[in-house]
Amino acid sequence: MSTFHILNGDCLAEKFPKNLEGESMIWREALIDGPVSDNNFFENRKKFIAENYDAERSYDELVIKEFQRIQNIPEDSDVFFWFEDDLFCQVNFWFLISNLNLGKAKIFRVFPKDTKKGFAESDENDLLKLFHSAKEINDKERKLISNL
C-alpha cells in the first residue's frame, strides 16, 4: 500500500518532514476567490489567476499537472490531507474530496496543533507527531464533505 500526503500550499511543503514515508503533492489553489463553476473549471481558474495575480504561465505546471498527479493516486493507497481549519483551506479540502476518485483509498485528515496558527509554527518534529494523530475520514464523512 502506498502513502500520499496532499499539502495545502508551498509553505507547508518547505518544512515537511523529509523522512516521512510517502509521496508529497502540493495543492496550490485559492478557491475562495474567483469563478468555480464546473464548466471549463481549470480554464476559468487559469484566466482568473492570470488577470488578477499575473501567474498564468505557472498555473498549468503548478496547479493543473499537480491535480492530475493527485487524480492518479492508486485506489489502494493511504492519503493524508494536510489542511488547516480556516475557510480558505477547508474550501480547497472540500473541493479535492469531492473531485478525486479515491473510492477505495483510506483517507486521513491531519490537523494542526494550534487552530489559530495552523501549521505555521510547527517544526518537523511537530509535523511528525501530527501525522501520527491523523483522523481517518469514513465513508459517511466523505459523502458529507463532498456535499459541501
Protein backbone atom coordinates (compact mmCIF):
# COMPACT_ATOMS: atom_id res chain seq x y z
CA MET A 1 0.00 0.00 0.00
CA SER A 2 1.31 3.44 -0.96
CA THR A 3 1.12 6.59 1.13
CA PHE A 4 0.46 10.08 -0.22
CA HIS A 5 0.43 13.45 1.51
CA ILE A 6 -1.60 16.25 -0.04
CA LEU A 7 -0.32 19.55 1.31
CA ASN A 8 -2.19 22.82 1.10
CA GLY A 9 0.48 25.14 -0.23
CA ASP A 10 4.22 25.54 -0.57
CA CYS A 11 4.87 26.95 2.92
CA LEU A 12 3.99 23.62 4.50
CA ALA A 13 5.92 21.75 1.79
CA GLU A 14 9.10 23.68 2.62
CA LYS A 15 9.20 22.33 6.16
CA PHE A 16 7.50 18.99 5.58
CA PRO A 17 9.49 16.11 7.13
CA LYS A 18 11.76 14.52 4.52
CA ASN A 19 11.85 11.24 6.42
CA LEU A 20 8.07 10.80 6.48
CA GLU A 21 7.07 7.80 4.40
CA GLY A 22 5.14 8.59 1.24
CA GLU A 23 4.96 10.97 -1.66
CA SER A 24 4.05 14.63 -1.17
CA MET A 25 1.80 16.54 -3.52
CA ILE A 26 1.01 20.23 -3.24
CA TRP A 27 -2.39 21.81 -3.84
CA ARG A 28 -1.83 25.42 -4.89
CA GLU A 29 -5.26 26.88 -5.46
CA ALA A 30 -7.27 29.58 -3.72
CA LEU A 31 -10.83 28.55 -4.45
CA ILE A 32 -12.39 31.14 -2.15
CA ASP A 33 -11.64 33.79 -4.78
CA GLY A 34 -12.88 33.80 -8.37
CA PRO A 35 -15.04 31.52 -10.53
CA VAL A 36 -15.52 27.89 -9.53
CA SER A 37 -18.27 26.60 -11.82
CA ASP A 38 -17.89 23.10 -13.27
CA ASN A 39 -17.89 24.37 -16.86
CA ASN A 40 -14.30 24.73 -18.08
CA PHE A 41 -13.16 24.80 -14.47
CA PHE A 42 -9.38 24.94 -14.95
CA GLU A 43 -9.60 27.24 -17.99
CA ASN A 44 -11.70 29.70 -16.00
CA ARG A 45 -9.40 29.45 -12.97
CA LYS A 46 -6.30 29.97 -15.11
CA LYS A 47 -7.82 33.03 -16.76
CA PHE A 48 -8.88 34.47 -13.40
CA ILE A 49 -5.43 33.88 -11.87
CA ALA A 50 -3.73 35.45 -14.91
CA GLU A 51 -5.94 38.54 -14.80
CA ASN A 52 -5.70 39.05 -11.04
CA TYR A 53 -2.36 37.59 -9.95
CA ASP A 54 -0.16 37.53 -13.07
CA ALA A 55 0.61 33.84 -12.69
CA GLU A 56 -0.85 32.26 -15.85
CA ARG A 57 2.41 30.71 -17.04
CA SER A 58 2.95 28.67 -13.93
CA TYR A 59 -0.70 27.66 -13.48
CA ASP A 60 -0.51 24.70 -15.85
CA GLU A 61 2.60 23.33 -14.19
CA LEU A 62 1.87 24.14 -10.57
CA VAL A 63 -1.87 23.53 -10.39
CA ILE A 64 -3.21 21.50 -13.32
CA LYS A 65 -0.35 19.00 -13.56
CA GLU A 66 -0.27 18.58 -9.80
CA PHE A 67 -4.05 17.97 -9.76
CA GLN A 68 -3.56 15.31 -12.44
CA ARG A 69 -0.90 13.66 -10.26
CA ILE A 70 -3.31 13.71 -7.33
CA GLN A 71 -6.03 12.18 -9.52
CA ASN A 72 -3.69 9.31 -10.34
CA ILE A 73 -3.24 8.18 -6.75
CA PRO A 74 -3.85 4.40 -6.73
CA GLU A 75 -7.13 3.32 -5.15
CA ASP A 76 -5.49 1.12 -2.51
CA SER A 77 -3.45 3.97 -1.00
CA ASP A 78 -3.40 5.83 2.28
CA VAL A 79 -3.98 9.53 1.56
CA PHE A 80 -3.27 12.20 4.18
CA PHE A 81 -4.76 15.66 3.71
CA TRP A 82 -2.77 18.39 5.49
CA PHE A 83 -5.28 21.25 5.54
CA GLU A 84 -5.86 23.81 8.26
CA ASP A 85 -9.23 24.70 9.80
CA ASP A 86 -9.76 28.14 8.23
CA LEU A 87 -12.26 28.63 5.40
CA PHE A 88 -9.51 29.12 2.78
CA CYS A 89 -8.06 25.67 3.47
CA GLN A 90 -11.40 23.99 4.03
CA VAL A 91 -12.81 25.05 0.65
CA ASN A 92 -9.74 23.58 -1.04
CA PHE A 93 -10.06 20.39 1.03
CA TRP A 94 -13.77 20.05 0.20
CA PHE A 95 -13.03 20.51 -3.50
CA LEU A 96 -10.41 17.77 -3.52
CA ILE A 97 -12.51 15.30 -1.56
CA SER A 98 -15.45 15.83 -3.91
CA ASN A 99 -13.40 15.74 -7.13
CA LEU A 100 -11.00 12.86 -6.59
CA ASN A 101 -11.73 9.23 -7.30
CA LEU A 102 -10.42 7.80 -4.05
CA GLY A 103 -13.23 5.31 -3.50
CA LYS A 104 -11.13 2.51 -2.02
CA ALA A 105 -8.34 4.64 -0.60
CA LYS A 106 -8.06 5.19 3.13
CA ILE A 107 -8.32 8.93 3.67
CA PHE A 108 -6.98 10.77 6.68
CA ARG A 109 -7.00 14.38 7.82
CA VAL A 110 -4.02 15.81 9.67
CA PHE A 111 -4.99 18.64 11.98
CA PRO A 112 -2.68 21.46 13.08
CA LYS A 113 -1.79 21.56 16.78
CA ASP A 114 -2.95 25.18 17.07
CA THR A 115 -6.07 26.02 15.10
CA LYS A 116 -5.38 29.77 15.20
CA LYS A 117 -1.81 29.49 13.90
CA GLY A 118 -2.30 26.42 11.73
CA PHE A 119 0.87 24.66 10.64
CA ALA A 120 2.83 27.94 10.57
CA GLU A 121 4.67 27.44 13.84
CA SER A 122 5.06 23.67 13.59
CA ASP A 123 8.52 22.26 13.07
CA GLU A 124 9.44 18.87 11.61
CA ASN A 125 9.02 17.08 14.94
CA ASP A 126 5.60 18.66 15.46
CA LEU A 127 4.52 17.61 11.98
CA LEU A 128 5.62 14.02 12.63
CA LYS A 129 3.54 13.97 15.82
CA LEU A 130 0.55 15.43 13.98
CA PHE A 131 0.89 12.77 11.29
CA HIS A 132 0.67 10.04 13.93
CA SER A 133 -2.53 11.56 15.31
CA ALA A 134 -4.28 11.85 11.92
CA LYS A 135 -8.01 11.12 11.88
CA GLU A 136 -9.41 8.68 9.34
CA ILE A 137 -12.33 10.01 7.30
CA ASN A 138 -15.02 7.36 6.95
CA ASP A 139 -17.43 6.91 4.03
CA LYS A 140 -20.25 8.83 5.72
CA GLU A 141 -17.93 11.78 6.37
CA ARG A 142 -16.65 11.67 2.78
CA LYS A 143 -20.20 12.00 1.50
CA LEU A 144 -20.92 14.90 3.83
CA ILE A 145 -17.70 16.66 2.79
CA SER A 146 -18.43 16.08 -0.91
CA ASN A 147 -21.80 17.79 -0.49
CA LEU A 148 -20.15 20.92 0.87
